[in-house]
PDB file of N, CA and C in Angstrom:
ATOM      1  N   UNK A   1     125.795 127.325  92.522  1.00  0.00           N
ATOM      2  CA  UNK A   1     124.596 126.204  93.855  1.00  0.00           C
ATOM      3  C   UNK A   1     122.906 127.420  93.404  1.00  0.00           C
ATOM      4  N   UNK A   2     122.624 128.626  93.356  1.00  0.00           N
ATOM      5  CA  UNK A   2     121.516 128.796  93.926  1.00  0.00           C
ATOM      6  C   UNK A   2     121.274 129.150  92.349  1.00  0.00           C
ATOM      7  N   UNK A   3     121.853 129.231  91.375  1.00  0.00           N
ATOM      8  CA  UNK A   3     121.738 129.285  89.861  1.00  0.00           C
ATOM      9  C   UNK A   3     120.654 127.897  89.764  1.00  0.00           C
ATOM     10  N   UNK A   4     121.547 126.830  89.899  1.00  0.00           N
ATOM     11  CA  UNK A   4     120.357 126.038  89.498  1.00  0.00           C
ATOM     12  C   UNK A   4     120.063 125.271  90.065  1.00  0.00           C
ATOM     13  N   UNK A   5     119.484 125.968  91.512  1.00  0.00           N
ATOM     14  CA  UNK A   5     118.406 126.095  91.784  1.00  0.00           C
ATOM     15  C   UNK A   5     117.152 126.802  92.038  1.00  0.00           C
ATOM     16  N   UNK A   6     117.957 127.871  91.223  1.00  0.00           N
ATOM     17  CA  UNK A   6     117.014 128.895  90.790  1.00  0.00           C
ATOM     18  C   UNK A   6     116.132 128.467  89.326  1.00  0.00           C
ATOM     19  N   UNK A   7     117.183 127.526  88.125  1.00  0.00           N
ATOM     20  CA  UNK A   7     117.127 127.114  86.820  1.00  0.00           C
ATOM     21  C   UNK A   7     115.851 126.006  87.395  1.00  0.00           C
ATOM     22  N   UNK A   8     116.189 124.717  88.206  1.00  0.00           N
ATOM     23  CA  UNK A   8     115.289 124.004  88.599  1.00  0.00           C
ATOM     24  C   UNK A   8     113.700 124.634  89.198  1.00  0.00           C
ATOM     25  N   UNK A   9     114.012 125.950  89.373  1.00  0.00           N
ATOM     26  CA  UNK A   9     112.350 126.610  89.806  1.00  0.00           C
ATOM     27  C   UNK A   9     111.695 126.480  88.351  1.00  0.00           C
ATOM     28  N   UNK A  10     112.338 127.263  87.653  1.00  0.00           N
ATOM     29  CA  UNK A  10     112.536 128.018  86.513  1.00  0.00           C
ATOM     30  C   UNK A  10     111.781 126.425  85.510  1.00  0.00           C
ATOM     31  N   UNK A  11     112.623 125.699  85.218  1.00  0.00           N
ATOM     32  CA  UNK A  11     111.649 124.432  84.637  1.00  0.00           C
ATOM     33  C   UNK A  11     110.306 123.520  85.344  1.00  0.00           C
ATOM     34  N   UNK A  12     110.354 123.991  86.712  1.00  0.00           N
ATOM     35  CA  UNK A  12     109.732 123.222  87.231  1.00  0.00           C
ATOM     36  C   UNK A  12     107.963 124.213  86.700  1.00  0.00           C
ATOM     37  N   UNK A  13     108.594 125.680  86.861  1.00  0.00           N
ATOM     38  CA  UNK A  13     106.896 126.999  86.509  1.00  0.00           C
ATOM     39  C   UNK A  13     106.862 126.413  85.170  1.00  0.00           C
ATOM     40  N   UNK A  14     107.620 126.426  84.639  1.00  0.00           N
ATOM     41  CA  UNK A  14     107.437 125.716  83.022  1.00  0.00           C
ATOM     42  C   UNK A  14     106.228 125.088  83.038  1.00  0.00           C
ATOM     43  N   UNK A  15     107.382 123.410  83.793  1.00  0.00           N
ATOM     44  CA  UNK A  15     106.056 122.577  83.879  1.00  0.00           C
ATOM     45  C   UNK A  15     104.867 122.202  84.389  1.00  0.00           C
ATOM     46  N   UNK A  16     104.453 123.040  84.697  1.00  0.00           N
ATOM     47  CA  UNK A  16     103.244 123.558  85.673  1.00  0.00           C
ATOM     48  C   UNK A  16     102.893 124.029  84.781  1.00  0.00           C
ATOM     49  N   UNK A  17     103.099 125.526  84.588  1.00  0.00           N
ATOM     50  CA  UNK A  17     101.914 126.336  83.412  1.00  0.00           C
ATOM     51  C   UNK A  17     101.898 125.693  82.248  1.00  0.00           C
ATOM     52  N   UNK A  18     102.513 124.529  81.751  1.00  0.00           N
ATOM     53  CA  UNK A  18     102.363 123.608  80.811  1.00  0.00           C
ATOM     54  C   UNK A  18     100.749 122.656  80.745  1.00  0.00           C
ATOM     55  N   UNK A  19     100.975 122.042  82.083  1.00  0.00           N
ATOM     56  CA  UNK A  19     100.756 120.404  83.462  1.00  0.00           C
ATOM     57  C   UNK A  19      99.073 121.264  83.941  1.00  0.00           C
ATOM     58  N   UNK A  20      98.827 122.526  83.604  1.00  0.00           N
ATOM     59  CA  UNK A  20      98.083 122.959  85.329  1.00  0.00           C
ATOM     60  C   UNK A  20      96.883 122.140  85.361  1.00  0.00           C
ATOM     61  N   UNK A  21      96.514 121.134  84.706  1.00  0.00           N
ATOM     62  CA  UNK A  21      95.721 120.454  85.359  1.00  0.00           C
ATOM     63  C   UNK A  21      95.756 119.381  85.919  1.00  0.00           C
ATOM     64  N   UNK A  22      97.487 118.918  85.809  1.00  0.00           N
ATOM     65  CA  UNK A  22      97.826 117.845  86.174  1.00  0.00           C
ATOM     66  C   UNK A  22      98.442 118.142  87.923  1.00  0.00           C
ATOM     67  N   UNK A  23      98.067 119.549  87.542  1.00  0.00           N
ATOM     68  CA  UNK A  23      99.016 120.494  88.745  1.00  0.00           C
ATOM     69  C   UNK A  23      97.194 120.321  89.910  1.00  0.00           C
ATOM     70  N   UNK A  24      96.507 120.841  89.622  1.00  0.00           N
ATOM     71  CA  UNK A  24      94.871 120.720  89.887  1.00  0.00           C
ATOM     72  C   UNK A  24      95.598 119.668  90.069  1.00  0.00           C
ATOM     73  N   UNK A  25      95.160 118.524  89.478  1.00  0.00           N
ATOM     74  CA  UNK A  25      95.003 117.629  90.128  1.00  0.00           C
ATOM     75  C   UNK A  25      95.558 117.274  91.634  1.00  0.00           C
ATOM     76  N   UNK A  26      97.002 117.174  91.178  1.00  0.00           N
ATOM     77  CA  UNK A  26      98.128 117.109  92.349  1.00  0.00           C
ATOM     78  C   UNK A  26      97.753 117.927  93.692  1.00  0.00           C
ATOM     79  N   UNK A  27      97.128 119.373  93.075  1.00  0.00           N
ATOM     80  CA  UNK A  27      96.988 120.055  94.777  1.00  0.00           C
ATOM     81  C   UNK A  27      95.492 119.314  95.141  1.00  0.00           C
ATOM     82  N   UNK A  28      94.624 119.201  94.821  1.00  0.00           N
ATOM     83  CA  UNK A  28      93.203 118.347  94.542  1.00  0.00           C
ATOM     84  C   UNK A  28      93.430 116.970  95.589  1.00  0.00           C
ATOM     85  N   UNK A  29      94.785 116.227  95.928  1.00  0.00           N
ATOM     86  CA  UNK A  29      94.602 115.235  96.663  1.00  0.00           C
ATOM     87  C   UNK A  29      96.047 115.458  97.425  1.00  0.00           C
ATOM     88  N   UNK A  30      96.662 116.217  96.942  1.00  0.00           N
ATOM     89  CA  UNK A  30      97.487 117.119  98.188  1.00  0.00           C
ATOM     90  C   UNK A  30      96.562 117.852  99.457  1.00  0.00           C
ATOM     91  N   UNK A  31      96.386 118.405  99.688  1.00  0.00           N
ATOM     92  CA  UNK A  31      95.635 119.335  99.987  1.00  0.00           C
ATOM     93  C   UNK A  31      94.823 119.015 101.387  1.00  0.00           C
ATOM     94  N   UNK A  32      94.482 118.232 100.802  1.00  0.00           N
ATOM     95  CA  UNK A  32      92.898 116.852 102.354  1.00  0.00           C
ATOM     96  C   UNK A  32      93.761 116.163 102.153  1.00  0.00           C
ATOM     97  N   UNK A  33      94.887 114.839 102.648  1.00  0.00           N
ATOM     98  CA  UNK A  33      95.562 114.796 102.441  1.00  0.00           C
ATOM     99  C   UNK A  33      96.295 115.649 104.242  1.00  0.00           C
ATOM    100  N   UNK A  34      96.925 116.513 103.700  1.00  0.00           N
ATOM    101  CA  UNK A  34      97.876 117.792 104.661  1.00  0.00           C
ATOM    102  C   UNK A  34      97.058 117.955 106.265  1.00  0.00           C
ATOM    103  N   UNK A  35      95.183 118.192 105.685  1.00  0.00           N
ATOM    104  CA  UNK A  35      94.594 118.287 106.389  1.00  0.00           C
ATOM    105  C   UNK A  35      93.544 117.657 107.288  1.00  0.00           C
ATOM    106  N   UNK A  36      93.430 116.626 106.944  1.00  0.00           N
ATOM    107  CA  UNK A  36      93.452 115.095 107.198  1.00  0.00           C
ATOM    108  C   UNK A  36      94.623 114.982 108.063  1.00  0.00           C
ATOM    109  N   UNK A  37      96.190 115.402 108.396  1.00  0.00           N
ATOM    110  CA  UNK A  37      97.530 114.363 108.981  1.00  0.00           C
ATOM    111  C   UNK A  37      97.006 115.848 109.533  1.00  0.00           C
ATOM    112  N   UNK A  38      97.119 116.496 109.788  1.00  0.00           N
ATOM    113  CA  UNK A  38      96.543 117.701 110.717  1.00  0.00           C
ATOM    114  C   UNK A  38      95.138 117.815 111.742  1.00  0.00           C
ATOM    115  N   UNK A  39      94.359 116.960 111.617  1.00  0.00           N
ATOM    116  CA  UNK A  39      93.536 116.296 111.750  1.00  0.00           C
ATOM    117  C   UNK A  39      93.649 115.633 112.810  1.00  0.00           C
ATOM    118  N   UNK A  40      93.902 114.575 112.683  1.00  0.00           N
ATOM    119  CA  UNK A  40      94.416 113.665 113.049  1.00  0.00           C
ATOM    120  C   UNK A  40      96.047 113.392 113.664  1.00  0.00           C
ATOM    121  N   UNK A  41      96.451 114.146 114.031  1.00  0.00           N
ATOM    122  CA  UNK A  41      97.615 115.683 114.564  1.00  0.00           C
ATOM    123  C   UNK A  41      96.962 115.635 116.157  1.00  0.00           C
ATOM    124  N   UNK A  42      95.002 116.483 115.915  1.00  0.00           N
ATOM    125  CA  UNK A  42      94.499 117.439 117.035  1.00  0.00           C
ATOM    126  C   UNK A  42      93.701 116.354 117.992  1.00  0.00           C
ATOM    127  N   UNK A  43      93.216 115.500 116.806  1.00  0.00           N
ATOM    128  CA  UNK A  43      92.881 114.000 117.692  1.00  0.00           C
ATOM    129  C   UNK A  43      93.465 113.408 118.390  1.00  0.00           C
ATOM    130  N   UNK A  44      94.339 113.676 118.234  1.00  0.00           N
ATOM    131  CA  UNK A  44      96.229 112.605 119.119  1.00  0.00           C
ATOM    132  C   UNK A  44      95.984 113.495 120.500  1.00  0.00           C
ATOM    133  N   UNK A  45      96.013 114.770 120.438  1.00  0.00           N
ATOM    134  CA  UNK A  45      96.145 115.159 121.360  1.00  0.00           C
ATOM    135  C   UNK A  45      95.244 115.974 121.902  1.00  0.00           C
ATOM    136  N   UNK A  46      94.444 115.446 122.114  1.00  0.00           N
ATOM    137  CA  UNK A  46      93.218 115.236 122.927  1.00  0.00           C
ATOM    138  C   UNK A  46      92.361 114.117 123.448  1.00  0.00           C
ATOM    139  N   UNK A  47      92.975 113.032 122.219  1.00  0.00           N
ATOM    140  CA  UNK A  47      92.078 111.219 122.978  1.00  0.00           C
ATOM    141  C   UNK A  47      93.922 110.327 123.437  1.00  0.00           C
ATOM    142  N   UNK A  48      94.522 111.150 123.631  1.00  0.00           N
ATOM    143  CA  UNK A  48      95.880 110.400 124.017  1.00  0.00           C
ATOM    144  C   UNK A  48      95.674 109.408 123.955  1.00  0.00           C
ATOM    145  N   UNK A  49      94.662 109.222 125.380  1.00  0.00           N
ATOM    146  CA  UNK A  49      93.941 108.035 126.420  1.00  0.00           C
ATOM    147  C   UNK A  49      93.452 106.567 125.157  1.00  0.00           C
ATOM    148  N   UNK A  50      92.653 107.879 124.978  1.00  0.00           N
ATOM    149  CA  UNK A  50      91.544 106.643 123.536  1.00  0.00           C
ATOM    150  C   UNK A  50      92.896 105.874 122.714  1.00  0.00           C
ATOM    151  N   UNK A  51      92.283 104.096 122.747  1.00  0.00           N
ATOM    152  CA  UNK A  51      92.922 103.406 121.235  1.00  0.00           C
ATOM    153  C   UNK A  51      92.334 103.427 120.729  1.00  0.00           C
ATOM    154  N   UNK A  52      91.373 104.117 119.940  1.00  0.00           N
ATOM    155  CA  UNK A  52      90.338 103.980 118.613  1.00  0.00           C
ATOM    156  C   UNK A  52      91.787 104.111 117.444  1.00  0.00           C
ATOM    157  N   UNK A  53      91.491 102.642 116.233  1.00  0.00           N
ATOM    158  CA  UNK A  53      93.207 102.496 115.404  1.00  0.00           C
ATOM    159  C   UNK A  53      92.527 103.407 114.942  1.00  0.00           C
ATOM    160  N   UNK A  54      91.785 104.712 114.188  1.00  0.00           N
ATOM    161  CA  UNK A  54      92.027 105.697 113.173  1.00  0.00           C
ATOM    162  C   UNK A  54      92.824 106.553 114.016  1.00  0.00           C
ATOM    163  N   UNK A  55      92.406 106.671 115.575  1.00  0.00           N
ATOM    164  CA  UNK A  55      93.022 107.919 116.264  1.00  0.00           C
ATOM    165  C   UNK A  55      93.930 107.995 115.616  1.00  0.00           C
ATOM    166  N   UNK A  56      94.725 105.968 116.123  1.00  0.00           N
ATOM    167  CA  UNK A  56      96.649 106.853 115.867  1.00  0.00           C
ATOM    168  C   UNK A  56      96.736 106.137 115.030  1.00  0.00           C
ATOM    169  N   UNK A  57      96.744 106.543 114.286  1.00  0.00           N
ATOM    170  CA  UNK A  57      97.621 106.846 112.902  1.00  0.00           C
ATOM    171  C   UNK A  57      98.578 106.681 112.489  1.00  0.00           C
ATOM    172  N   UNK A  58      98.776 108.314 113.226  1.00  0.00           N
ATOM    173  CA  UNK A  58     100.321 108.483 112.739  1.00  0.00           C
ATOM    174  C   UNK A  58     101.156 107.407 113.864  1.00  0.00           C
ATOM    175  N   UNK A  59     101.091 107.008 114.641  1.00  0.00           N
ATOM    176  CA  UNK A  59     101.350 106.107 115.434  1.00  0.00           C
ATOM    177  C   UNK A  59     101.735 106.849 116.800  1.00  0.00           C
ATOM    178  N   UNK A  60     102.587 105.918 117.865  1.00  0.00           N
ATOM    179  CA  UNK A  60     102.272 106.852 118.813  1.00  0.00           C
ATOM    180  C   UNK A  60     104.016 107.622 119.326  1.00  0.00           C
ATOM    181  N   UNK A  61     102.810 108.173 120.011  1.00  0.00           N
ATOM    182  CA  UNK A  61     103.920 109.653 120.153  1.00  0.00           C
ATOM    183  C   UNK A  61     104.785 109.643 122.049  1.00  0.00           C
TER     184      UNK A  61
END
């Protein structure tokens, strides 16, 4: 089980080294997405009573 995981990690590492450009583009897409989710989450906490459509993007809690 552990060897399989390590093998997958090595394959991923080789893939990332070969395709650095794709990896960087992926990071550029993923990081702002994570920041946006965290930001909307804090907005949800601050303005729970307000019914603005983009503030409640993540749905009701």
